[in-house]
Amino acid sequence: MTKFVVEFEYNVDRDGRQETHPAHAENLYSLADQGIVLLAGPLVGENSGLLVYEVADRDELQKLLDDEPYVKAGLVSRTRVLEWTPGKGSWIKALAGAAQNSEAEGSH
């Protein structure tokens, strides 16, 4: 699986997104429940949001981005997509530890 960092830059302020926000949030919660959206949230002091996706490839990501309610409503003026390979940090250690515990439990 490949991780992507996505930045949405909006062409309207937060108030201008409120009508579409419930559909946007529902979409992100659903994708999070599926293990696709790892993190998501607004960038403080910016008119943009940052999301981390884990999908098979860039084509799968593009389908998800095309279905994003803010994108469909025309509220995103720019989308920046970067493939990301995290390798260091406390979250990586925590994930590695969880994977090792899962493997140990499965061997019993």
C-alpha atoms as a PDB file:
ATOM      1  CA  MET A   1       0.000   0.000   0.000  1.00  0.00           C
ATOM      2  CA  THR A   2       1.145   3.528  -0.754  1.00  0.00           C
ATOM      3  CA  LYS A   3       0.730   6.592   1.435  1.00  0.00           C
ATOM      4  CA  PHE A   4      -0.101   9.990  -0.021  1.00  0.00           C
ATOM      5  CA  VAL A   5      -0.177  13.392   1.617  1.00  0.00           C
ATOM      6  CA  VAL A   6      -2.868  15.575   0.052  1.00  0.00           C
ATOM      7  CA  GLU A   7      -3.392  19.282   0.578  1.00  0.00           C
ATOM      8  CA  PHE A   8      -6.681  20.855  -0.461  1.00  0.00           C
ATOM      9  CA  GLU A   9      -6.584  24.614  -0.918  1.00  0.00           C
ATOM     10  CA  TYR A  10     -10.079  26.083  -0.796  1.00  0.00           C
ATOM     11  CA  ASN A  11     -11.526  28.911  -2.875  1.00  0.00           C
ATOM     12  CA  VAL A  12     -14.059  29.844  -0.179  1.00  0.00           C
ATOM     13  CA  ASP A  13     -13.642  30.431   3.542  1.00  0.00           C
ATOM     14  CA  ARG A  14     -14.830  28.021   6.237  1.00  0.00           C
ATOM     15  CA  ASP A  15     -18.311  29.587   6.300  1.00  0.00           C
ATOM     16  CA  GLY A  16     -18.551  29.005   2.550  1.00  0.00           C
ATOM     17  CA  ARG A  17     -17.915  25.297   3.079  1.00  0.00           C
ATOM     18  CA  GLN A  18     -20.462  24.742   5.846  1.00  0.00           C
ATOM     19  CA  GLU A  19     -23.266  23.549   3.577  1.00  0.00           C
ATOM     20  CA  THR A  20     -21.035  20.791   2.177  1.00  0.00           C
ATOM     21  CA  HIS A  21     -19.134  20.049   5.399  1.00  0.00           C
ATOM     22  CA  PRO A  22     -21.456  17.265   6.681  1.00  0.00           C
ATOM     23  CA  ALA A  23     -20.992  15.258   3.453  1.00  0.00           C
ATOM     24  CA  HIS A  24     -17.237  15.946   3.522  1.00  0.00           C
ATOM     25  CA  ALA A  25     -16.961  14.768   7.152  1.00  0.00           C
ATOM     26  CA  GLU A  26     -19.111  11.679   6.532  1.00  0.00           C
ATOM     27  CA  ASN A  27     -16.913  10.751   3.563  1.00  0.00           C
ATOM     28  CA  LEU A  28     -13.731  11.102   5.634  1.00  0.00           C
ATOM     29  CA  TYR A  29     -15.154   9.103   8.554  1.00  0.00           C
ATOM     30  CA  SER A  30     -16.157   6.327   6.159  1.00  0.00           C
ATOM     31  CA  LEU A  31     -12.708   6.268   4.549  1.00  0.00           C
ATOM     32  CA  ALA A  32     -11.080   6.299   7.993  1.00  0.00           C
ATOM     33  CA  ASP A  33     -13.202   3.323   9.058  1.00  0.00           C
ATOM     34  CA  GLN A  34     -11.918   1.497   5.968  1.00  0.00           C
ATOM     35  CA  GLY A  35      -8.301   2.317   6.863  1.00  0.00           C
ATOM     36  CA  ILE A  36      -7.897   4.581   3.828  1.00  0.00           C
ATOM     37  CA  VAL A  37      -7.734   7.997   5.495  1.00  0.00           C
ATOM     38  CA  LEU A  38      -5.085   7.876   8.199  1.00  0.00           C
ATOM     39  CA  LEU A  39      -5.261  11.537   9.250  1.00  0.00           C
ATOM     40  CA  ALA A  40      -7.194  14.595   8.139  1.00  0.00           C
ATOM     41  CA  GLY A  41      -7.761  18.122   9.341  1.00  0.00           C
ATOM     42  CA  PRO A  42      -7.513  21.833   8.628  1.00  0.00           C
ATOM     43  CA  LEU A  43      -4.195  23.650   8.555  1.00  0.00           C
ATOM     44  CA  VAL A  44      -4.258  26.347  11.234  1.00  0.00           C
ATOM     45  CA  GLY A  45      -4.104  29.851   9.813  1.00  0.00           C
ATOM     46  CA  GLU A  46      -4.519  28.608   6.241  1.00  0.00           C
ATOM     47  CA  ASN A  47      -7.529  28.162   4.002  1.00  0.00           C
ATOM     48  CA  SER A  48      -6.609  24.547   3.369  1.00  0.00           C
ATOM     49  CA  GLY A  49      -6.690  21.048   4.778  1.00  0.00           C
ATOM     50  CA  LEU A  50      -4.187  18.201   4.969  1.00  0.00           C
ATOM     51  CA  LEU A  51      -5.071  14.542   4.538  1.00  0.00           C
ATOM     52  CA  VAL A  52      -3.023  11.339   4.602  1.00  0.00           C
ATOM     53  CA  TYR A  53      -4.363   8.442   2.534  1.00  0.00           C
ATOM     54  CA  GLU A  54      -3.176   4.846   2.251  1.00  0.00           C
ATOM     55  CA  VAL A  55      -4.255   3.219  -1.019  1.00  0.00           C
ATOM     56  CA  ALA A  56      -2.967   0.770  -3.593  1.00  0.00           C
ATOM     57  CA  ASP A  57      -1.789   3.414  -6.065  1.00  0.00           C
ATOM     58  CA  ARG A  58      -2.211   6.934  -7.447  1.00  0.00           C
ATOM     59  CA  ASP A  59      -5.142   5.900  -9.662  1.00  0.00           C
ATOM     60  CA  GLU A  60      -7.120   4.677  -6.653  1.00  0.00           C
ATOM     61  CA  LEU A  61      -6.337   7.903  -4.824  1.00  0.00           C
ATOM     62  CA  GLN A  62      -7.539   9.972  -7.782  1.00  0.00           C
ATOM     63  CA  LYS A  63     -10.901   8.192  -7.767  1.00  0.00           C
ATOM     64  CA  LEU A  64     -11.285   9.025  -4.083  1.00  0.00           C
ATOM     65  CA  LEU A  65     -10.307  12.645  -4.647  1.00  0.00           C
ATOM     66  CA  ASP A  66     -12.760  12.943  -7.543  1.00  0.00           C
ATOM     67  CA  ASP A  67     -15.533  11.673  -5.231  1.00  0.00           C
ATOM     68  CA  GLU A  68     -14.631  14.075  -2.383  1.00  0.00           C
ATOM     69  CA  PRO A  69     -17.702  16.271  -1.659  1.00  0.00           C
ATOM     70  CA  TYR A  70     -15.650  19.489  -1.454  1.00  0.00           C
ATOM     71  CA  VAL A  71     -14.114  18.706  -4.859  1.00  0.00           C
ATOM     72  CA  LYS A  72     -17.485  17.818  -6.405  1.00  0.00           C
ATOM     73  CA  ALA A  73     -18.955  21.080  -5.065  1.00  0.00           C
ATOM     74  CA  GLY A  74     -16.150  23.093  -6.664  1.00  0.00           C
ATOM     75  CA  LEU A  75     -14.772  24.324  -3.320  1.00  0.00           C
ATOM     76  CA  VAL A  76     -11.187  23.146  -3.908  1.00  0.00           C
ATOM     77  CA  SER A  77      -9.059  25.514  -5.976  1.00  0.00           C
ATOM     78  CA  ARG A  78      -5.860  23.465  -5.812  1.00  0.00           C
ATOM     79  CA  THR A  79      -4.938  19.926  -4.835  1.00  0.00           C
ATOM     80  CA  ARG A  80      -1.351  19.047  -4.030  1.00  0.00           C
ATOM     81  CA  VAL A  81      -0.536  15.323  -3.927  1.00  0.00           C
ATOM     82  CA  LEU A  82       2.740  13.891  -2.665  1.00  0.00           C
ATOM     83  CA  GLU A  83       3.635  10.228  -2.312  1.00  0.00           C
ATOM     84  CA  TRP A  84       5.046   9.711   1.175  1.00  0.00           C
ATOM     85  CA  THR A  85       7.192   6.998   2.730  1.00  0.00           C
ATOM     86  CA  PRO A  86       7.267   7.620   6.475  1.00  0.00           C
ATOM     87  CA  GLY A  87      10.113   5.850   8.210  1.00  0.00           C
ATOM     88  CA  LYS A  88      10.907   7.616  11.462  1.00  0.00           C
ATOM     89  CA  GLY A  89       8.985   8.996  14.395  1.00  0.00           C
ATOM     90  CA  SER A  90       6.988   7.937  17.427  1.00  0.00           C
ATOM     91  CA  TRP A  91       3.989   6.914  15.318  1.00  0.00           C
ATOM     92  CA  ILE A  92       6.171   4.567  13.274  1.00  0.00           C
ATOM     93  CA  LYS A  93       7.508   2.968  16.463  1.00  0.00           C
ATOM     94  CA  ALA A  94       3.966   2.579  17.821  1.00  0.00           C
ATOM     95  CA  LEU A  95       2.755   0.964  14.587  1.00  0.00           C
ATOM     96  CA  ALA A  96       5.743  -1.378  14.493  1.00  0.00           C
ATOM     97  CA  GLY A  97       5.116  -2.374  18.103  1.00  0.00           C
ATOM     98  CA  ALA A  98       1.434  -3.025  17.413  1.00  0.00           C
ATOM     99  CA  ALA A  99       2.336  -5.166  14.397  1.00  0.00           C
ATOM    100  CA  GLN A 100       4.801  -7.207  16.456  1.00  0.00           C
ATOM    101  CA  ASN A 101       2.201  -7.747  19.196  1.00  0.00           C
ATOM    102  CA  SER A 102      -0.355  -8.828  16.608  1.00  0.00           C
ATOM    103  CA  GLU A 103       2.080 -11.311  15.087  1.00  0.00           C
ATOM    104  CA  ALA A 104       2.959 -12.695  18.538  1.00  0.00           C
ATOM    105  CA  GLU A 105      -0.706 -13.156  19.420  1.00  0.00           C
ATOM    106  CA  GLY A 106      -1.350 -14.903  16.116  1.00  0.00           C
ATOM    107  CA  SER A 107       1.404 -17.458  16.733  1.00  0.00           C
ATOM    108  CA  HIS A 108      -0.238 -18.871  19.876  1.00  0.00           C
END
